[in-house]
Amino acid sequence: MELVKERECGECSVCCVVLNVDTREFQKLPGVPCAHLCDGGGCSIHATRYPVCRSYHCGWRYLQFLGEDWRPDRSGVLIDFQTDDLPSHYPKRPGIRLTLVDKGKALRRPFYDAVARFIAADVPVILAVGGPPGHFPAGAFLNDALKEAVSKRNFSEVETAFVQAPKGLESHRFNRVVHRNGTNSPAQTDHQPTIKNRV
């Protein structure tokens, strides 16, 4: 899969806040702004940023059919790819993980249409909602619940499901993140969950 030509992150720095990073070189808790994030966006060490930051690109950078309004800071959705812990009866890989970062921006017709497009193509789709800072997000697999509504093009049912799903996920008991790398993690004695068991 290749990056969309001439599509750049611009002023978007959603990944610098939302994502969990746990490498030998660098650790950052999910929901916590990176220590190197400048006021107003941008990285203060961009030229020498960590390998994990250099290699990461969100789904919007790869998916040509998503327009400029799908940049995460504009759409309220961070799109990622997921290969682990997906149902075997949906064999296509990777799956699409949609993390809501701003429900007011995200929960609208273009979002429902994009999700319906993925589901109609049998691409596994996970909806995720962030927990409190420093906690893993909660996720829900959408295909089984929405496949019939999508096949019938019943978009009111799809919309209703998306209004309800985040509410259910927000009531989830979120698990605290404990990093395996580094010595400055704030909760080294807590139970250590892994990202892959969050969906």
C-alpha atoms as a PDB file:
ATOM      1  CA  MET A   1       0.000   0.000   0.000  1.00  0.00           C
ATOM      2  CA  GLU A   2       1.394   3.382  -0.983  1.00  0.00           C
ATOM      3  CA  LEU A   3       0.854   6.865   0.366  1.00  0.00           C
ATOM      4  CA  VAL A   4      -1.391   9.155  -1.670  1.00  0.00           C
ATOM      5  CA  LYS A   5       0.883  11.434  -3.683  1.00  0.00           C
ATOM      6  CA  GLU A   6       1.112  15.037  -2.504  1.00  0.00           C
ATOM      7  CA  ARG A   7      -1.102  14.352   0.522  1.00  0.00           C
ATOM      8  CA  GLU A   8       0.557  15.716   3.655  1.00  0.00           C
ATOM      9  CA  CYS A   9      -0.306  15.900   7.344  1.00  0.00           C
ATOM     10  CA  GLY A  10      -0.261  19.688   7.255  1.00  0.00           C
ATOM     11  CA  GLU A  11      -1.373  21.149  10.576  1.00  0.00           C
ATOM     12  CA  CYS A  12      -2.936  17.881  11.768  1.00  0.00           C
ATOM     13  CA  SER A  13      -1.345  16.421  14.892  1.00  0.00           C
ATOM     14  CA  VAL A  14      -4.160  14.115  16.065  1.00  0.00           C
ATOM     15  CA  CYS A  15      -1.882  11.062  16.136  1.00  0.00           C
ATOM     16  CA  CYS A  16       0.510  12.977  18.422  1.00  0.00           C
ATOM     17  CA  VAL A  17      -2.222  13.022  21.068  1.00  0.00           C
ATOM     18  CA  VAL A  18      -4.424   9.970  20.497  1.00  0.00           C
ATOM     19  CA  LEU A  19      -1.921   7.159  19.983  1.00  0.00           C
ATOM     20  CA  ASN A  20      -0.045   5.045  22.486  1.00  0.00           C
ATOM     21  CA  VAL A  21       3.701   4.795  21.788  1.00  0.00           C
ATOM     22  CA  ASP A  22       5.910   2.278  23.564  1.00  0.00           C
ATOM     23  CA  THR A  23       9.330   1.782  21.961  1.00  0.00           C
ATOM     24  CA  ARG A  24      12.813   1.710  23.423  1.00  0.00           C
ATOM     25  CA  GLU A  25      13.477   5.206  22.122  1.00  0.00           C
ATOM     26  CA  PHE A  26      10.210   6.827  23.117  1.00  0.00           C
ATOM     27  CA  GLN A  27       7.094   6.284  25.201  1.00  0.00           C
ATOM     28  CA  LYS A  28       3.857   8.287  25.145  1.00  0.00           C
ATOM     29  CA  LEU A  29       0.530   7.463  26.751  1.00  0.00           C
ATOM     30  CA  PRO A  30      -2.685   7.507  24.675  1.00  0.00           C
ATOM     31  CA  GLY A  31      -4.789  10.631  25.045  1.00  0.00           C
ATOM     32  CA  VAL A  32      -1.804  12.605  26.311  1.00  0.00           C
ATOM     33  CA  PRO A  33      -0.185  15.192  24.009  1.00  0.00           C
ATOM     34  CA  CYS A  34       3.360  14.322  23.037  1.00  0.00           C
ATOM     35  CA  ALA A  35       5.970  16.267  24.987  1.00  0.00           C
ATOM     36  CA  HIS A  36       7.415  17.416  21.657  1.00  0.00           C
ATOM     37  CA  LEU A  37       4.118  18.741  20.283  1.00  0.00           C
ATOM     38  CA  CYS A  38       4.240  22.497  19.696  1.00  0.00           C
ATOM     39  CA  ASP A  39       1.423  24.836  20.638  1.00  0.00           C
ATOM     40  CA  GLY A  40      -0.821  25.025  17.590  1.00  0.00           C
ATOM     41  CA  GLY A  41       0.510  21.733  16.200  1.00  0.00           C
ATOM     42  CA  GLY A  42       3.761  20.552  14.693  1.00  0.00           C
ATOM     43  CA  CYS A  43       6.693  18.658  16.139  1.00  0.00           C
ATOM     44  CA  SER A  44       9.516  20.499  17.867  1.00  0.00           C
ATOM     45  CA  ILE A  45      11.968  17.714  16.907  1.00  0.00           C
ATOM     46  CA  HIS A  46      10.535  16.920  13.458  1.00  0.00           C
ATOM     47  CA  ALA A  47      13.927  16.698  11.732  1.00  0.00           C
ATOM     48  CA  THR A  48      15.197  14.186  14.305  1.00  0.00           C
ATOM     49  CA  ARG A  49      11.921  12.566  15.353  1.00  0.00           C
ATOM     50  CA  TYR A  50      11.832   8.956  16.516  1.00  0.00           C
ATOM     51  CA  PRO A  51      11.654   6.035  14.036  1.00  0.00           C
ATOM     52  CA  VAL A  52       8.146   5.114  15.205  1.00  0.00           C
ATOM     53  CA  CYS A  53       6.969   8.632  14.350  1.00  0.00           C
ATOM     54  CA  ARG A  54       8.724   8.625  10.965  1.00  0.00           C
ATOM     55  CA  SER A  55       7.129   5.336   9.927  1.00  0.00           C
ATOM     56  CA  TYR A  56       3.570   6.026  11.085  1.00  0.00           C
ATOM     57  CA  HIS A  57       0.911   7.363   8.709  1.00  0.00           C
ATOM     58  CA  CYS A  58      -2.815   7.281   9.371  1.00  0.00           C
ATOM     59  CA  GLY A  59      -5.263   5.670   6.960  1.00  0.00           C
ATOM     60  CA  TRP A  60      -6.199   8.998   5.412  1.00  0.00           C
ATOM     61  CA  ARG A  61      -2.673   9.251   4.006  1.00  0.00           C
ATOM     62  CA  TYR A  62      -3.198   5.929   2.168  1.00  0.00           C
ATOM     63  CA  LEU A  63      -6.850   5.900   1.068  1.00  0.00           C
ATOM     64  CA  GLN A  64      -7.220   7.890  -2.135  1.00  0.00           C
ATOM     65  CA  PHE A  65     -11.027   7.934  -2.116  1.00  0.00           C
ATOM     66  CA  LEU A  66     -11.111   9.855   1.174  1.00  0.00           C
ATOM     67  CA  GLY A  67     -11.031  13.585   0.404  1.00  0.00           C
ATOM     68  CA  GLU A  68      -9.241  16.414   2.194  1.00  0.00           C
ATOM     69  CA  ASP A  69     -12.109  16.727   4.658  1.00  0.00           C
ATOM     70  CA  TRP A  70     -11.114  13.299   5.997  1.00  0.00           C
ATOM     71  CA  ARG A  71      -7.862  14.570   7.471  1.00  0.00           C
ATOM     72  CA  PRO A  72      -8.240  13.535  11.141  1.00  0.00           C
ATOM     73  CA  ASP A  73      -8.351  17.046  12.588  1.00  0.00           C
ATOM     74  CA  ARG A  74     -11.094  17.956  10.112  1.00  0.00           C
ATOM     75  CA  SER A  75     -13.127  14.746  10.186  1.00  0.00           C
ATOM     76  CA  GLY A  76     -12.883  13.945  13.883  1.00  0.00           C
ATOM     77  CA  VAL A  77     -11.815  10.377  12.967  1.00  0.00           C
ATOM     78  CA  LEU A  78      -8.369   8.798  13.106  1.00  0.00           C
ATOM     79  CA  ILE A  79      -8.240   5.914  10.628  1.00  0.00           C
ATOM     80  CA  ASP A  80      -5.755   3.095  11.204  1.00  0.00           C
ATOM     81  CA  PHE A  81      -5.192  -0.370   9.805  1.00  0.00           C
ATOM     82  CA  GLN A  82      -5.543  -3.460  11.983  1.00  0.00           C
ATOM     83  CA  THR A  83      -4.416  -7.012  11.206  1.00  0.00           C
ATOM     84  CA  ASP A  84      -4.679  -8.782  14.575  1.00  0.00           C
ATOM     85  CA  ASP A  85      -7.734 -10.033  16.444  1.00  0.00           C
ATOM     86  CA  LEU A  86     -10.167  -9.827  13.556  1.00  0.00           C
ATOM     87  CA  PRO A  87     -12.951 -12.401  13.040  1.00  0.00           C
ATOM     88  CA  SER A  88     -11.888 -15.261  10.791  1.00  0.00           C
ATOM     89  CA  HIS A  89     -15.163 -15.139   8.836  1.00  0.00           C
ATOM     90  CA  TYR A  90     -13.999 -11.779   7.461  1.00  0.00           C
ATOM     91  CA  PRO A  91     -10.705 -12.860   5.844  1.00  0.00           C
ATOM     92  CA  LYS A  92      -9.760  -9.568   4.196  1.00  0.00           C
ATOM     93  CA  ARG A  93      -6.755  -7.898   5.778  1.00  0.00           C
ATOM     94  CA  PRO A  94      -6.066  -5.336   6.961  1.00  0.00           C
ATOM     95  CA  GLY A  95      -9.163  -4.199   8.771  1.00  0.00           C
ATOM     96  CA  ILE A  96     -10.068  -0.562   9.300  1.00  0.00           C
ATOM     97  CA  ARG A  97     -10.021   0.931  12.790  1.00  0.00           C
ATOM     98  CA  LEU A  98     -11.939   4.173  13.192  1.00  0.00           C
ATOM     99  CA  THR A  99     -11.135   6.060  16.393  1.00  0.00           C
ATOM    100  CA  LEU A 100     -13.562   8.866  17.187  1.00  0.00           C
ATOM    101  CA  VAL A 101     -11.649  11.930  18.340  1.00  0.00           C
ATOM    102  CA  ASP A 102     -14.465  14.459  17.862  1.00  0.00           C
ATOM    103  CA  LYS A 103     -17.970  12.993  17.696  1.00  0.00           C
ATOM    104  CA  GLY A 104     -19.462  16.328  16.667  1.00  0.00           C
ATOM    105  CA  LYS A 105     -17.405  16.291  13.484  1.00  0.00           C
ATOM    106  CA  ALA A 106     -17.390  12.535  12.893  1.00  0.00           C
ATOM    107  CA  LEU A 107     -20.976  11.405  13.278  1.00  0.00           C
ATOM    108  CA  ARG A 108     -22.400  12.675  10.004  1.00  0.00           C
ATOM    109  CA  ARG A 109     -23.496  11.259   6.670  1.00  0.00           C
ATOM    110  CA  PRO A 110     -20.046  11.110   4.949  1.00  0.00           C
ATOM    111  CA  PHE A 111     -18.768   9.024   7.861  1.00  0.00           C
ATOM    112  CA  TYR A 112     -21.709   6.604   7.674  1.00  0.00           C
ATOM    113  CA  ASP A 113     -21.268   6.338   3.903  1.00  0.00           C
ATOM    114  CA  ALA A 114     -17.572   5.486   4.230  1.00  0.00           C
ATOM    115  CA  VAL A 115     -18.243   2.849   6.872  1.00  0.00           C
ATOM    116  CA  ALA A 116     -21.018   1.366   4.736  1.00  0.00           C
ATOM    117  CA  ARG A 117     -18.580   1.188   1.821  1.00  0.00           C
ATOM    118  CA  PHE A 118     -16.057  -0.779   3.885  1.00  0.00           C
ATOM    119  CA  ILE A 119     -18.708  -3.119   5.257  1.00  0.00           C
ATOM    120  CA  ALA A 120     -20.222  -3.724   1.816  1.00  0.00           C
ATOM    121  CA  ALA A 121     -16.752  -4.783   0.649  1.00  0.00           C
ATOM    122  CA  ASP A 122     -16.427  -7.187   3.633  1.00  0.00           C
ATOM    123  CA  VAL A 123     -13.517  -5.199   5.073  1.00  0.00           C
ATOM    124  CA  PRO A 124     -13.449  -5.680   8.867  1.00  0.00           C
ATOM    125  CA  VAL A 125     -14.359  -2.410  10.598  1.00  0.00           C
ATOM    126  CA  ILE A 126     -13.731  -1.535  14.243  1.00  0.00           C
ATOM    127  CA  LEU A 127     -15.155   1.566  15.909  1.00  0.00           C
ATOM    128  CA  ALA A 128     -13.015   2.821  18.801  1.00  0.00           C
ATOM    129  CA  VAL A 129     -13.553   5.437  21.493  1.00  0.00           C
ATOM    130  CA  GLY A 130     -10.699   6.774  23.579  1.00  0.00           C
ATOM    131  CA  GLY A 131     -10.744   6.392  27.320  1.00  0.00           C
ATOM    132  CA  PRO A 132      -9.366   8.742  29.956  1.00  0.00           C
ATOM    133  CA  PRO A 133      -5.808   9.908  29.268  1.00  0.00           C
ATOM    134  CA  GLY A 134      -3.393   7.055  29.814  1.00  0.00           C
ATOM    135  CA  HIS A 135      -5.948   4.320  29.148  1.00  0.00           C
ATOM    136  CA  PHE A 136      -6.507   1.991  26.208  1.00  0.00           C
ATOM    137  CA  PRO A 137      -9.491   2.783  23.949  1.00  0.00           C
ATOM    138  CA  ALA A 138     -12.564   0.568  23.779  1.00  0.00           C
ATOM    139  CA  GLY A 139     -13.482  -0.951  20.440  1.00  0.00           C
ATOM    140  CA  ALA A 140     -16.444  -2.676  18.816  1.00  0.00           C
ATOM    141  CA  PHE A 141     -16.515  -4.802  15.662  1.00  0.00           C
ATOM    142  CA  LEU A 142     -19.220  -3.376  13.375  1.00  0.00           C
ATOM    143  CA  ASN A 143     -19.658  -5.708  10.403  1.00  0.00           C
ATOM    144  CA  ASP A 144     -22.008  -8.298  11.875  1.00  0.00           C
ATOM    145  CA  ALA A 145     -24.251  -5.657  13.439  1.00  0.00           C
ATOM    146  CA  LEU A 146     -24.510  -3.487  10.320  1.00  0.00           C
ATOM    147  CA  LYS A 147     -24.154  -5.870   7.393  1.00  0.00           C
ATOM    148  CA  GLU A 148     -27.895  -6.344   6.874  1.00  0.00           C
ATOM    149  CA  ALA A 149     -28.680  -2.628   7.142  1.00  0.00           C
ATOM    150  CA  VAL A 150     -25.889  -1.837   4.673  1.00  0.00           C
ATOM    151  CA  SER A 151     -27.068  -4.487   2.198  1.00  0.00           C
ATOM    152  CA  LYS A 152     -30.573  -2.981   2.334  1.00  0.00           C
ATOM    153  CA  ARG A 153     -29.125   0.532   2.081  1.00  0.00           C
ATOM    154  CA  ASN A 154     -31.011   1.369   5.258  1.00  0.00           C
ATOM    155  CA  PHE A 155     -28.881   4.348   6.244  1.00  0.00           C
ATOM    156  CA  SER A 156     -31.230   5.478   9.004  1.00  0.00           C
ATOM    157  CA  GLU A 157     -30.507   2.192  10.786  1.00  0.00           C
ATOM    158  CA  VAL A 158     -26.793   2.647  10.206  1.00  0.00           C
ATOM    159  CA  GLU A 159     -26.968   6.171  11.609  1.00  0.00           C
ATOM    160  CA  THR A 160     -28.928   4.999  14.660  1.00  0.00           C
ATOM    161  CA  ALA A 161     -26.318   2.335  15.337  1.00  0.00           C
ATOM    162  CA  PHE A 162     -23.556   4.932  15.213  1.00  0.00           C
ATOM    163  CA  VAL A 163     -25.334   7.241  17.588  1.00  0.00           C
ATOM    164  CA  GLN A 164     -25.736   4.383  20.083  1.00  0.00           C
ATOM    165  CA  ALA A 165     -22.371   2.623  19.703  1.00  0.00           C
ATOM    166  CA  PRO A 166     -20.151   5.378  21.166  1.00  0.00           C
ATOM    167  CA  LYS A 167     -22.430   5.641  24.195  1.00  0.00           C
ATOM    168  CA  GLY A 168     -21.966   1.944  24.882  1.00  0.00           C
ATOM    169  CA  LEU A 169     -18.212   2.147  24.373  1.00  0.00           C
ATOM    170  CA  GLU A 170     -17.887   5.178  26.657  1.00  0.00           C
ATOM    171  CA  SER A 171     -19.411   3.164  29.514  1.00  0.00           C
ATOM    172  CA  HIS A 172     -16.684   0.534  29.071  1.00  0.00           C
ATOM    173  CA  ARG A 173     -14.237  -0.053  31.935  1.00  0.00           C
ATOM    174  CA  PHE A 174     -11.082   1.316  30.356  1.00  0.00           C
ATOM    175  CA  ASN A 175      -7.762  -0.379  31.157  1.00  0.00           C
ATOM    176  CA  ARG A 176      -4.788   1.691  32.176  1.00  0.00           C
ATOM    177  CA  VAL A 177      -1.731   1.571  29.898  1.00  0.00           C
ATOM    178  CA  VAL A 178       1.540   0.377  31.369  1.00  0.00           C
ATOM    179  CA  HIS A 179       4.544   0.653  29.097  1.00  0.00           C
ATOM    180  CA  ARG A 180       6.990  -2.212  28.766  1.00  0.00           C
ATOM    181  CA  ASN A 181       9.836   0.079  27.698  1.00  0.00           C
ATOM    182  CA  GLY A 182      11.431   2.903  29.624  1.00  0.00           C
ATOM    183  CA  THR A 183      11.666   3.513  33.339  1.00  0.00           C
ATOM    184  CA  ASN A 184       9.496   6.603  33.673  1.00  0.00           C
ATOM    185  CA  SER A 185       6.057   5.027  33.183  1.00  0.00           C
ATOM    186  CA  PRO A 186       3.645   6.375  35.779  1.00  0.00           C
ATOM    187  CA  ALA A 187       2.132   2.997  36.662  1.00  0.00           C
ATOM    188  CA  GLN A 188       4.701   0.256  36.343  1.00  0.00           C
ATOM    189  CA  THR A 189       2.942  -1.890  38.935  1.00  0.00           C
ATOM    190  CA  ASP A 190      -0.459  -1.889  37.200  1.00  0.00           C
ATOM    191  CA  HIS A 191      -1.740  -4.794  35.127  1.00  0.00           C
ATOM    192  CA  GLN A 192      -0.341  -4.577  31.600  1.00  0.00           C
ATOM    193  CA  PRO A 193      -2.977  -5.005  28.871  1.00  0.00           C
ATOM    194  CA  THR A 194      -2.034  -5.029  25.208  1.00  0.00           C
ATOM    195  CA  ILE A 195      -3.563  -3.068  22.367  1.00  0.00           C
ATOM    196  CA  LYS A 196      -4.613  -6.197  20.548  1.00  0.00           C
ATOM    197  CA  ASN A 197      -7.049  -7.263  23.267  1.00  0.00           C
ATOM    198  CA  ARG A 198      -8.892  -3.981  23.208  1.00  0.00           C
ATOM    199  CA  VAL A 199     -11.191  -4.999  20.318  1.00  0.00           C
END
